[in-house]
C-alpha atoms as a PDB file:
ATOM      1  CA  MET A   1      -0.013   0.077  -0.066  1.00  0.00           C
ATOM      2  CA  ALA A   2       1.540   3.412  -1.027  1.00  0.00           C
ATOM      3  CA  VAL A   3       1.715   6.043   1.440  1.00  0.00           C
ATOM      4  CA  GLN A   4       0.544   9.499   0.185  1.00  0.00           C
ATOM      5  CA  GLN A   5       2.165  12.523   1.216  1.00  0.00           C
ATOM      6  CA  GLU A   6       0.628  15.779   1.770  1.00  0.00           C
ATOM      7  CA  ARG A   7       1.406  18.308  -0.826  1.00  0.00           C
ATOM      8  CA  HIS A   8       1.970  21.934   0.588  1.00  0.00           C
ATOM      9  CA  LYS A   9       0.541  24.374  -1.977  1.00  0.00           C
ATOM     10  CA  ARG A  10       2.110  27.751  -1.801  1.00  0.00           C
ATOM     11  CA  ALA A  11      -0.039  30.289  -0.220  1.00  0.00           C
ATOM     12  CA  VAL A  12      -0.944  32.716  -3.043  1.00  0.00           C
ATOM     13  CA  PRO A  13      -1.727  36.296  -2.039  1.00  0.00           C
ATOM     14  CA  PRO A  14      -5.210  37.829  -2.739  1.00  0.00           C
ATOM     15  CA  LEU A  15      -5.410  39.705  -6.111  1.00  0.00           C
ATOM     16  CA  ASP A  16      -4.842  43.579  -6.062  1.00  0.00           C
ATOM     17  CA  GLY A  17      -5.646  45.925  -9.002  1.00  0.00           C
ATOM     18  CA  GLU A  18      -2.542  45.213 -10.812  1.00  0.00           C
ATOM     19  CA  GLY A  19      -2.486  41.479 -10.383  1.00  0.00           C
ATOM     20  CA  LEU A  20      -6.103  41.561 -11.664  1.00  0.00           C
ATOM     21  CA  GLU A  21      -5.205  43.468 -14.737  1.00  0.00           C
ATOM     22  CA  ARG A  22      -2.183  41.352 -15.466  1.00  0.00           C
ATOM     23  CA  LEU A  23      -4.548  38.158 -15.408  1.00  0.00           C
ATOM     24  CA  ALA A  24      -7.121  39.861 -17.798  1.00  0.00           C
ATOM     25  CA  VAL A  25      -4.511  40.861 -20.311  1.00  0.00           C
ATOM     26  CA  ASN A  26      -2.627  37.734 -20.213  1.00  0.00           C
ATOM     27  CA  TYR A  27      -6.076  35.899 -20.699  1.00  0.00           C
ATOM     28  CA  ALA A  28      -7.249  38.025 -23.593  1.00  0.00           C
ATOM     29  CA  GLY A  29      -3.884  37.868 -25.176  1.00  0.00           C
ATOM     30  CA  ARG A  30      -3.801  33.849 -25.059  1.00  0.00           C
ATOM     31  CA  TYR A  31      -7.403  33.073 -26.102  1.00  0.00           C
ATOM     32  CA  ALA A  32     -10.069  34.570 -28.334  1.00  0.00           C
ATOM     33  CA  VAL A  33     -12.577  35.891 -25.796  1.00  0.00           C
ATOM     34  CA  THR A  34     -15.747  38.021 -25.365  1.00  0.00           C
ATOM     35  CA  ARG A  35     -16.497  40.383 -22.697  1.00  0.00           C
ATOM     36  CA  ALA A  36     -18.590  38.050 -21.039  1.00  0.00           C
ATOM     37  CA  LYS A  37     -15.996  35.282 -20.968  1.00  0.00           C
ATOM     38  CA  LEU A  38     -13.301  37.581 -19.660  1.00  0.00           C
ATOM     39  CA  LYS A  39     -15.698  38.774 -16.990  1.00  0.00           C
ATOM     40  CA  ALA A  40     -16.464  35.152 -15.867  1.00  0.00           C
ATOM     41  CA  TYR A  41     -12.688  34.228 -15.861  1.00  0.00           C
ATOM     42  CA  LEU A  42     -11.871  37.254 -13.666  1.00  0.00           C
ATOM     43  CA  ALA A  43     -14.736  36.478 -11.315  1.00  0.00           C
ATOM     44  CA  ARG A  44     -13.534  33.034 -11.046  1.00  0.00           C
ATOM     45  CA  LYS A  45      -9.913  34.085 -10.252  1.00  0.00           C
ATOM     46  CA  LEU A  46     -11.485  36.417  -7.576  1.00  0.00           C
ATOM     47  CA  ARG A  47     -13.449  33.518  -5.978  1.00  0.00           C
ATOM     48  CA  GLU A  48     -10.085  31.468  -6.010  1.00  0.00           C
ATOM     49  CA  ARG A  49      -7.608  33.958  -4.785  1.00  0.00           C
ATOM     50  CA  GLY A  50      -9.777  36.668  -3.022  1.00  0.00           C
ATOM     51  CA  TRP A  51      -9.653  40.546  -3.506  1.00  0.00           C
ATOM     52  CA  GLY A  52      -6.850  42.222  -1.399  1.00  0.00           C
ATOM     53  CA  GLY A  53      -7.308  45.758  -3.056  1.00  0.00           C
ATOM     54  CA  GLU A  54      -9.485  48.561  -1.434  1.00  0.00           C
ATOM     55  CA  GLY A  55     -13.330  48.549  -2.272  1.00  0.00           C
ATOM     56  CA  GLU A  56     -14.787  46.329  -4.654  1.00  0.00           C
ATOM     57  CA  ALA A  57     -12.736  44.543  -7.588  1.00  0.00           C
ATOM     58  CA  PRO A  58     -13.012  46.727 -10.723  1.00  0.00           C
ATOM     59  CA  VAL A  59     -13.958  43.844 -13.025  1.00  0.00           C
ATOM     60  CA  ASP A  60     -16.600  45.602 -15.085  1.00  0.00           C
ATOM     61  CA  GLY A  61     -14.214  48.660 -15.638  1.00  0.00           C
ATOM     62  CA  LEU A  62     -11.320  46.452 -16.437  1.00  0.00           C
ATOM     63  CA  VAL A  63     -13.195  44.432 -18.970  1.00  0.00           C
ATOM     64  CA  GLU A  64     -14.480  47.674 -20.613  1.00  0.00           C
ATOM     65  CA  ARG A  65     -10.970  48.988 -20.662  1.00  0.00           C
ATOM     66  CA  CYS A  66      -9.751  45.859 -22.517  1.00  0.00           C
ATOM     67  CA  ALA A  67     -12.475  46.211 -25.045  1.00  0.00           C
ATOM     68  CA  ARG A  68     -11.613  49.688 -25.587  1.00  0.00           C
ATOM     69  CA  LEU A  69      -7.941  48.897 -26.201  1.00  0.00           C
ATOM     70  CA  GLY A  70      -9.005  46.344 -28.386  1.00  0.00           C
ATOM     71  CA  TYR A  71      -7.825  43.208 -26.539  1.00  0.00           C
ATOM     72  CA  VAL A  72     -11.434  42.063 -26.747  1.00  0.00           C
ATOM     73  CA  ASP A  73     -13.612  42.311 -29.600  1.00  0.00           C
ATOM     74  CA  ASP A  74     -16.992  40.687 -29.492  1.00  0.00           C
ATOM     75  CA  ALA A  75     -17.854  41.395 -33.063  1.00  0.00           C
ATOM     76  CA  ALA A  76     -14.653  39.859 -34.446  1.00  0.00           C
ATOM     77  CA  PHE A  77     -15.054  36.903 -32.070  1.00  0.00           C
ATOM     78  CA  ALA A  78     -18.555  36.298 -33.296  1.00  0.00           C
ATOM     79  CA  THR A  79     -17.675  36.578 -37.050  1.00  0.00           C
ATOM     80  CA  ALA A  80     -14.696  34.197 -36.557  1.00  0.00           C
ATOM     81  CA  ARG A  81     -16.802  31.694 -34.610  1.00  0.00           C
ATOM     82  CA  ALA A  82     -19.618  31.689 -37.196  1.00  0.00           C
ATOM     83  CA  GLU A  83     -17.078  31.285 -40.076  1.00  0.00           C
ATOM     84  CA  SER A  84     -15.467  28.404 -38.359  1.00  0.00           C
ATOM     85  CA  LEU A  85     -18.619  26.615 -37.642  1.00  0.00           C
ATOM     86  CA  SER A  86     -19.982  27.246 -41.047  1.00  0.00           C
ATOM     87  CA  ARG A  87     -16.903  25.801 -42.641  1.00  0.00           C
ATOM     88  CA  ARG A  88     -17.166  22.673 -40.416  1.00  0.00           C
ATOM     89  CA  GLY A  89     -20.682  22.268 -41.541  1.00  0.00           C
ATOM     90  CA  TYR A  90     -22.862  23.573 -38.826  1.00  0.00           C
ATOM     91  CA  GLY A  91     -26.121  25.623 -39.450  1.00  0.00           C
ATOM     92  CA  ALA A  92     -27.289  28.979 -38.411  1.00  0.00           C
ATOM     93  CA  ARG A  93     -29.078  27.689 -35.348  1.00  0.00           C
ATOM     94  CA  ARG A  94     -25.950  26.159 -34.068  1.00  0.00           C
ATOM     95  CA  VAL A  95     -23.894  29.210 -34.624  1.00  0.00           C
ATOM     96  CA  ASP A  96     -26.449  31.354 -32.851  1.00  0.00           C
ATOM     97  CA  THR A  97     -26.447  29.064 -29.826  1.00  0.00           C
ATOM     98  CA  ALA A  98     -22.692  29.114 -29.795  1.00  0.00           C
ATOM     99  CA  LEU A  99     -22.717  32.970 -29.684  1.00  0.00           C
ATOM    100  CA  LYS A 100     -25.286  33.138 -27.111  1.00  0.00           C
ATOM    101  CA  VAL A 101     -23.210  30.777 -24.943  1.00  0.00           C
ATOM    102  CA  ALA A 102     -20.207  32.796 -25.424  1.00  0.00           C
ATOM    103  CA  GLY A 103     -22.031  35.894 -24.519  1.00  0.00           C
ATOM    104  CA  VAL A 104     -22.105  37.913 -27.661  1.00  0.00           C
ATOM    105  CA  ASP A 105     -24.890  40.223 -27.661  1.00  0.00           C
ATOM    106  CA  GLU A 106     -27.452  40.738 -30.694  1.00  0.00           C
ATOM    107  CA  ALA A 107     -25.858  44.005 -32.111  1.00  0.00           C
ATOM    108  CA  ASP A 108     -22.133  42.384 -32.138  1.00  0.00           C
ATOM    109  CA  GLY A 109     -23.269  39.076 -33.425  1.00  0.00           C
ATOM    110  CA  ALA A 110     -25.573  40.471 -36.159  1.00  0.00           C
ATOM    111  CA  ALA A 111     -23.017  40.244 -38.986  1.00  0.00           C
ATOM    112  CA  ALA A 112     -22.020  36.810 -37.809  1.00  0.00           C
ATOM    113  CA  ARG A 113     -25.459  35.592 -37.908  1.00  0.00           C
ATOM    114  CA  ALA A 114     -26.108  37.009 -41.338  1.00  0.00           C
ATOM    115  CA  HIS A 115     -23.006  35.289 -42.636  1.00  0.00           C
ATOM    116  CA  ALA A 116     -24.321  31.837 -41.050  1.00  0.00           C
ATOM    117  CA  GLU A 117     -27.751  32.519 -42.771  1.00  0.00           C
ATOM    118  CA  SER A 118     -26.098  33.256 -46.261  1.00  0.00           C
ATOM    119  CA  GLU A 119     -23.892  30.021 -45.781  1.00  0.00           C
ATOM    120  CA  ALA A 120     -26.788  27.817 -44.734  1.00  0.00           C
ATOM    121  CA  TRP A 121     -26.961  25.627 -47.796  1.00  0.00           C
ATOM    122  CA  ASN A 122     -23.166  25.298 -48.211  1.00  0.00           C
ATOM    123  CA  ALA A 123     -22.698  24.258 -44.736  1.00  0.00           C
ATOM    124  CA  ALA A 124     -25.500  21.730 -44.805  1.00  0.00           C
ATOM    125  CA  LEU A 125     -23.637  20.169 -47.803  1.00  0.00           C
ATOM    126  CA  ARG A 126     -20.332  20.310 -46.025  1.00  0.00           C
ATOM    127  CA  PHE A 127     -21.816  18.511 -43.059  1.00  0.00           C
ATOM    128  CA  ALA A 128     -23.497  16.028 -45.255  1.00  0.00           C
ATOM    129  CA  GLU A 129     -20.116  15.404 -46.967  1.00  0.00           C
ATOM    130  CA  ARG A 130     -18.419  14.827 -43.583  1.00  0.00           C
ATOM    131  CA  ARG A 131     -21.030  12.433 -42.338  1.00  0.00           C
ATOM    132  CA  ARG A 132     -21.651  10.570 -45.639  1.00  0.00           C
ATOM    133  CA  ILE A 133     -25.239  11.701 -45.959  1.00  0.00           C
ATOM    134  CA  GLY A 134     -27.523  11.912 -48.918  1.00  0.00           C
ATOM    135  CA  PRO A 135     -25.467  12.709 -52.056  1.00  0.00           C
ATOM    136  CA  TYR A 136     -22.357  11.736 -50.308  1.00  0.00           C
ATOM    137  CA  ALA A 137     -23.456   8.300 -49.069  1.00  0.00           C
ATOM    138  CA  ASP A 138     -21.934   5.213 -50.459  1.00  0.00           C
ATOM    139  CA  ALA A 139     -25.287   3.410 -50.700  1.00  0.00           C
ATOM    140  CA  TRP A 140     -29.110   4.252 -50.238  1.00  0.00           C
ATOM    141  CA  PRO A 141     -29.850   3.727 -46.619  1.00  0.00           C
ATOM    142  CA  GLU A 142     -32.743   2.179 -45.083  1.00  0.00           C
ATOM    143  CA  ARG A 143     -35.385   4.404 -43.585  1.00  0.00           C
ATOM    144  CA  PRO A 144     -34.146   4.079 -39.802  1.00  0.00           C
ATOM    145  CA  GLU A 145     -30.497   4.981 -40.972  1.00  0.00           C
ATOM    146  CA  ARG A 146     -32.025   7.922 -42.804  1.00  0.00           C
ATOM    147  CA  GLU A 147     -33.879   9.177 -39.865  1.00  0.00           C
ATOM    148  CA  LYS A 148     -30.734   8.984 -37.806  1.00  0.00           C
ATOM    149  CA  LYS A 149     -28.916  11.273 -40.579  1.00  0.00           C
ATOM    150  CA  LEU A 150     -31.961  13.720 -40.505  1.00  0.00           C
ATOM    151  CA  ALA A 151     -31.582  13.964 -36.753  1.00  0.00           C
ATOM    152  CA  ALA A 152     -27.943  14.441 -36.982  1.00  0.00           C
ATOM    153  CA  MET A 153     -28.376  17.332 -39.462  1.00  0.00           C
ATOM    154  CA  LEU A 154     -31.008  18.886 -37.139  1.00  0.00           C
ATOM    155  CA  ARG A 155     -28.525  18.767 -34.176  1.00  0.00           C
ATOM    156  CA  ALA A 156     -26.002  20.573 -36.288  1.00  0.00           C
ATOM    157  CA  GLY A 157     -28.332  23.335 -36.596  1.00  0.00           C
ATOM    158  CA  HIS A 158     -29.941  22.922 -40.009  1.00  0.00           C
ATOM    159  CA  PRO A 159     -33.362  23.775 -40.708  1.00  0.00           C
ATOM    160  CA  LEU A 160     -35.793  20.827 -41.129  1.00  0.00           C
ATOM    161  CA  GLY A 161     -36.511  21.529 -45.037  1.00  0.00           C
ATOM    162  CA  VAL A 162     -32.981  21.703 -45.878  1.00  0.00           C
ATOM    163  CA  ALA A 163     -32.131  18.563 -43.906  1.00  0.00           C
ATOM    164  CA  ARG A 164     -34.763  16.563 -45.446  1.00  0.00           C
ATOM    165  CA  LYS A 165     -33.892  17.708 -48.914  1.00  0.00           C
ATOM    166  CA  ILE A 166     -30.214  16.595 -48.518  1.00  0.00           C
ATOM    167  CA  VAL A 167     -31.144  13.323 -46.468  1.00  0.00           C
ATOM    168  CA  ALA A 168     -33.557  12.343 -49.178  1.00  0.00           C
ATOM    169  CA  ALA A 169     -31.101  12.770 -52.111  1.00  0.00           C
ATOM    170  CA  ARG A 170     -29.961   9.512 -53.564  1.00  0.00           C
ATOM    171  CA  PRO A 171     -26.074   8.953 -53.648  1.00  0.00           C
ATOM    172  CA  GLY A 172     -24.382  11.069 -56.330  1.00  0.00           C
ATOM    173  CA  GLU A 173     -27.690  13.184 -56.956  1.00  0.00           C
ATOM    174  CA  PHE A 174     -27.198  16.612 -55.505  1.00  0.00           C
ATOM    175  CA  PRO A 175     -30.399  18.615 -54.759  1.00  0.00           C
ATOM    176  CA  GLU A 176     -30.870  22.319 -56.024  1.00  0.00           C
ATOM    177  CA  ALA A 177     -30.819  24.953 -53.282  1.00  0.00           C
ATOM    178  CA  ASP A 178     -34.084  26.780 -52.578  1.00  0.00           C
ATOM    179  CA  ASP A 179     -33.603  30.498 -52.427  1.00  0.00           C
END
């Protein structure tokens, strides 16, 4: 039986204004973040380490300052996320959900949502190709298998009409997009 030794963690001092700012800049520099994600990260760090400065921790002001300086750009984040998801074959509904989870508001995400809508048909075909659905299938599947493929397309955020049209296509026969 192995004997476990206690590991002594080094006591980390509570955060002050400078330490909180350093954390915010490092996090925003390392990851693509939104205002909401940066705020949640800083709140988590404050819960873990505590606040040693005077008054309340200036989280909101720090997040807005990072946005003003260009370290955090919700609109650019939304556009990049929408393009990435569309390239991978996800539909507009899935893009919208991802933006809401990331904390992107309606105004900052409008262009990204419009991009996802305009790329809906192409994204559906890319998803079908990746998953070997409809025109990309090796053989015509039985009804239970087609229903599974339809469900997969719906979970990927594609509208029911588009998903049905692609799933119903025979292998090698590409359906036309409805405008």
